[in-house]
């Protein structure tokens, strides 16, 4: 749950950088920030996978980290528009934060649901 919480904060920070920090995206420094964020997304998703109830959240976060790395690699093309890099950073950050928040909230609900099922399954066995 801590790794997902860190992914939420990191994703929102990437969205902030893409939207409000225009001097960062005016120069080549954004590539370093995006690569660092992508590697952090992937590493934190791999850590979160061990404790998540549903693993598809971390699988998608890993894919989004790969998309961000691909966006950085494509930005070295001479004809690559800066707006495409901004949108890739924006959407990967937003979707990562959303999926990580979903993983945090879904995990707690799933544990309560499993506990309710365990109680419901134990009750008929005692009455029989």
Protein backbone atom coordinates (compact mmCIF):
# COMPACT_ATOMS: atom_id res chain seq x y z
CA UNK A 1 0.00 0.00 0.00
CA UNK A 2 2.94 2.33 0.60
CA UNK A 3 4.28 1.74 -2.92
CA UNK A 4 0.88 2.57 -4.40
CA UNK A 5 0.69 5.72 -2.28
CA UNK A 6 4.08 6.79 -3.58
CA UNK A 7 2.91 6.11 -7.14
CA UNK A 8 -0.10 8.36 -6.51
CA UNK A 9 2.11 11.23 -5.37
CA UNK A 10 4.62 10.68 -8.17
CA UNK A 11 1.88 10.51 -10.80
CA UNK A 12 0.31 13.75 -9.59
CA UNK A 13 3.74 15.40 -9.54
CA UNK A 14 4.26 14.36 -13.16
CA UNK A 15 0.87 15.81 -14.09
CA UNK A 16 1.82 19.04 -12.31
CA UNK A 17 5.11 19.18 -14.18
CA UNK A 18 3.42 18.56 -17.52
CA UNK A 19 0.71 21.18 -17.02
CA UNK A 20 2.13 23.95 -14.88
CA UNK A 21 5.89 23.73 -15.16
CA UNK A 22 6.34 24.99 -18.71
CA UNK A 23 10.02 26.01 -18.31
CA UNK A 24 10.80 22.37 -17.56
CA UNK A 25 9.23 21.23 -20.82
CA UNK A 26 10.81 24.07 -22.81
CA UNK A 27 14.27 22.50 -22.47
CA UNK A 28 15.71 18.99 -22.55
CA UNK A 29 15.54 18.59 -18.75
CA UNK A 30 12.07 17.04 -18.94
CA UNK A 31 13.56 13.87 -20.41
CA UNK A 32 15.51 13.18 -17.24
CA UNK A 33 12.45 13.83 -15.09
CA UNK A 34 10.30 11.57 -17.27
CA UNK A 35 12.85 8.73 -17.29
CA UNK A 36 13.24 8.94 -13.51
CA UNK A 37 9.46 8.93 -13.08
CA UNK A 38 9.09 5.95 -15.44
CA UNK A 39 11.67 3.89 -13.58
CA UNK A 40 10.06 4.81 -10.25
CA UNK A 41 6.62 3.82 -11.60
CA UNK A 42 7.95 0.45 -12.69
CA UNK A 43 9.90 -0.24 -9.49
CA UNK A 44 7.05 0.81 -7.20
CA UNK A 45 4.53 -1.21 -9.21
CA UNK A 46 6.71 -4.29 -8.88
CA UNK A 47 6.85 -3.72 -5.11
CA UNK A 48 3.09 -3.15 -4.92
CA UNK A 49 2.36 -6.31 -6.90
CA UNK A 50 3.42 -8.47 -3.96
CA UNK A 51 0.79 -7.03 -1.63
CA UNK A 52 -2.05 -6.04 -3.98
CA UNK A 53 -5.23 -8.04 -4.03
CA UNK A 54 -5.61 -7.66 -7.80
CA UNK A 55 -2.39 -7.59 -9.79
CA UNK A 56 -3.78 -5.94 -12.90
CA UNK A 57 -3.32 -2.49 -11.38
CA UNK A 58 0.44 -2.90 -11.16
CA UNK A 59 0.61 -4.55 -14.58
CA UNK A 60 -1.01 -1.49 -16.14
CA UNK A 61 1.28 0.85 -14.19
CA UNK A 62 4.25 -1.08 -15.58
CA UNK A 63 2.85 -0.62 -19.09
CA UNK A 64 2.40 3.09 -18.46
CA UNK A 65 6.02 3.33 -17.31
CA UNK A 66 7.01 1.67 -20.58
CA UNK A 67 4.86 4.11 -22.55
CA UNK A 68 6.57 7.00 -20.80
CA UNK A 69 10.00 5.56 -21.63
CA UNK A 70 8.91 5.10 -25.25
CA UNK A 71 7.72 8.70 -25.34
CA UNK A 72 11.12 9.87 -24.13
CA UNK A 73 12.86 7.71 -26.72
CA UNK A 74 10.63 9.07 -29.49
CA UNK A 75 11.30 12.65 -28.38
CA UNK A 76 14.82 12.35 -29.75
CA UNK A 77 13.39 12.28 -33.28
CA UNK A 78 13.86 15.64 -34.96
CA UNK A 79 10.22 15.91 -36.07
CA UNK A 80 8.75 14.97 -32.67
CA UNK A 81 6.41 17.72 -31.42
CA UNK A 82 6.81 19.01 -27.88
CA UNK A 83 3.07 18.87 -27.31
CA UNK A 84 3.10 15.11 -27.80
CA UNK A 85 5.66 14.77 -25.01
CA UNK A 86 3.56 16.98 -22.77
CA UNK A 87 0.45 14.90 -23.37
CA UNK A 88 2.29 11.61 -22.86
CA UNK A 89 3.64 12.83 -19.52
CA UNK A 90 0.23 14.18 -18.54
CA UNK A 91 -1.73 11.02 -19.32
CA UNK A 92 0.80 8.56 -17.92
CA UNK A 93 0.98 10.53 -14.68
CA UNK A 94 -2.79 10.86 -14.39
CA UNK A 95 -3.54 7.23 -15.22
CA UNK A 96 -0.80 5.97 -12.91
CA UNK A 97 -2.15 8.01 -10.01
CA UNK A 98 -5.68 6.83 -10.77
CA UNK A 99 -4.73 3.14 -10.98
CA UNK A 100 -2.58 3.30 -7.85
CA UNK A 101 -5.41 4.96 -5.91
CA UNK A 102 -7.78 2.31 -7.19
CA UNK A 103 -5.38 -0.41 -6.04
CA UNK A 104 -5.20 1.11 -2.55
CA UNK A 105 -8.97 1.40 -2.23
CA UNK A 106 -9.83 -1.88 -3.93
CA UNK A 107 -7.53 -3.82 -1.66
CA UNK A 108 -9.32 -2.76 1.49
CA UNK A 109 -12.76 -3.50 0.07
CA UNK A 110 -11.62 -6.92 -1.14
CA UNK A 111 -10.27 -7.88 2.29
CA UNK A 112 -13.59 -6.95 3.92
CA UNK A 113 -15.46 -8.91 1.26
CA UNK A 114 -13.29 -12.00 1.82
CA UNK A 115 -13.84 -11.75 5.58
CA UNK A 116 -17.61 -11.53 5.03
CA UNK A 117 -17.52 -14.58 2.77
CA UNK A 118 -15.49 -16.54 5.31
CA UNK A 119 -18.04 -15.78 8.02
CA UNK A 120 -20.95 -16.66 5.71
CA UNK A 121 -19.36 -19.97 4.69
CA UNK A 122 -18.59 -20.93 8.28
CA UNK A 123 -22.13 -20.26 9.54
CA UNK A 124 -23.98 -22.97 7.47
CA UNK A 125 -21.33 -25.57 8.36
CA UNK A 126 -21.96 -25.01 12.09
CA UNK A 127 -25.74 -25.32 11.80
CA UNK A 128 -25.64 -28.61 9.88
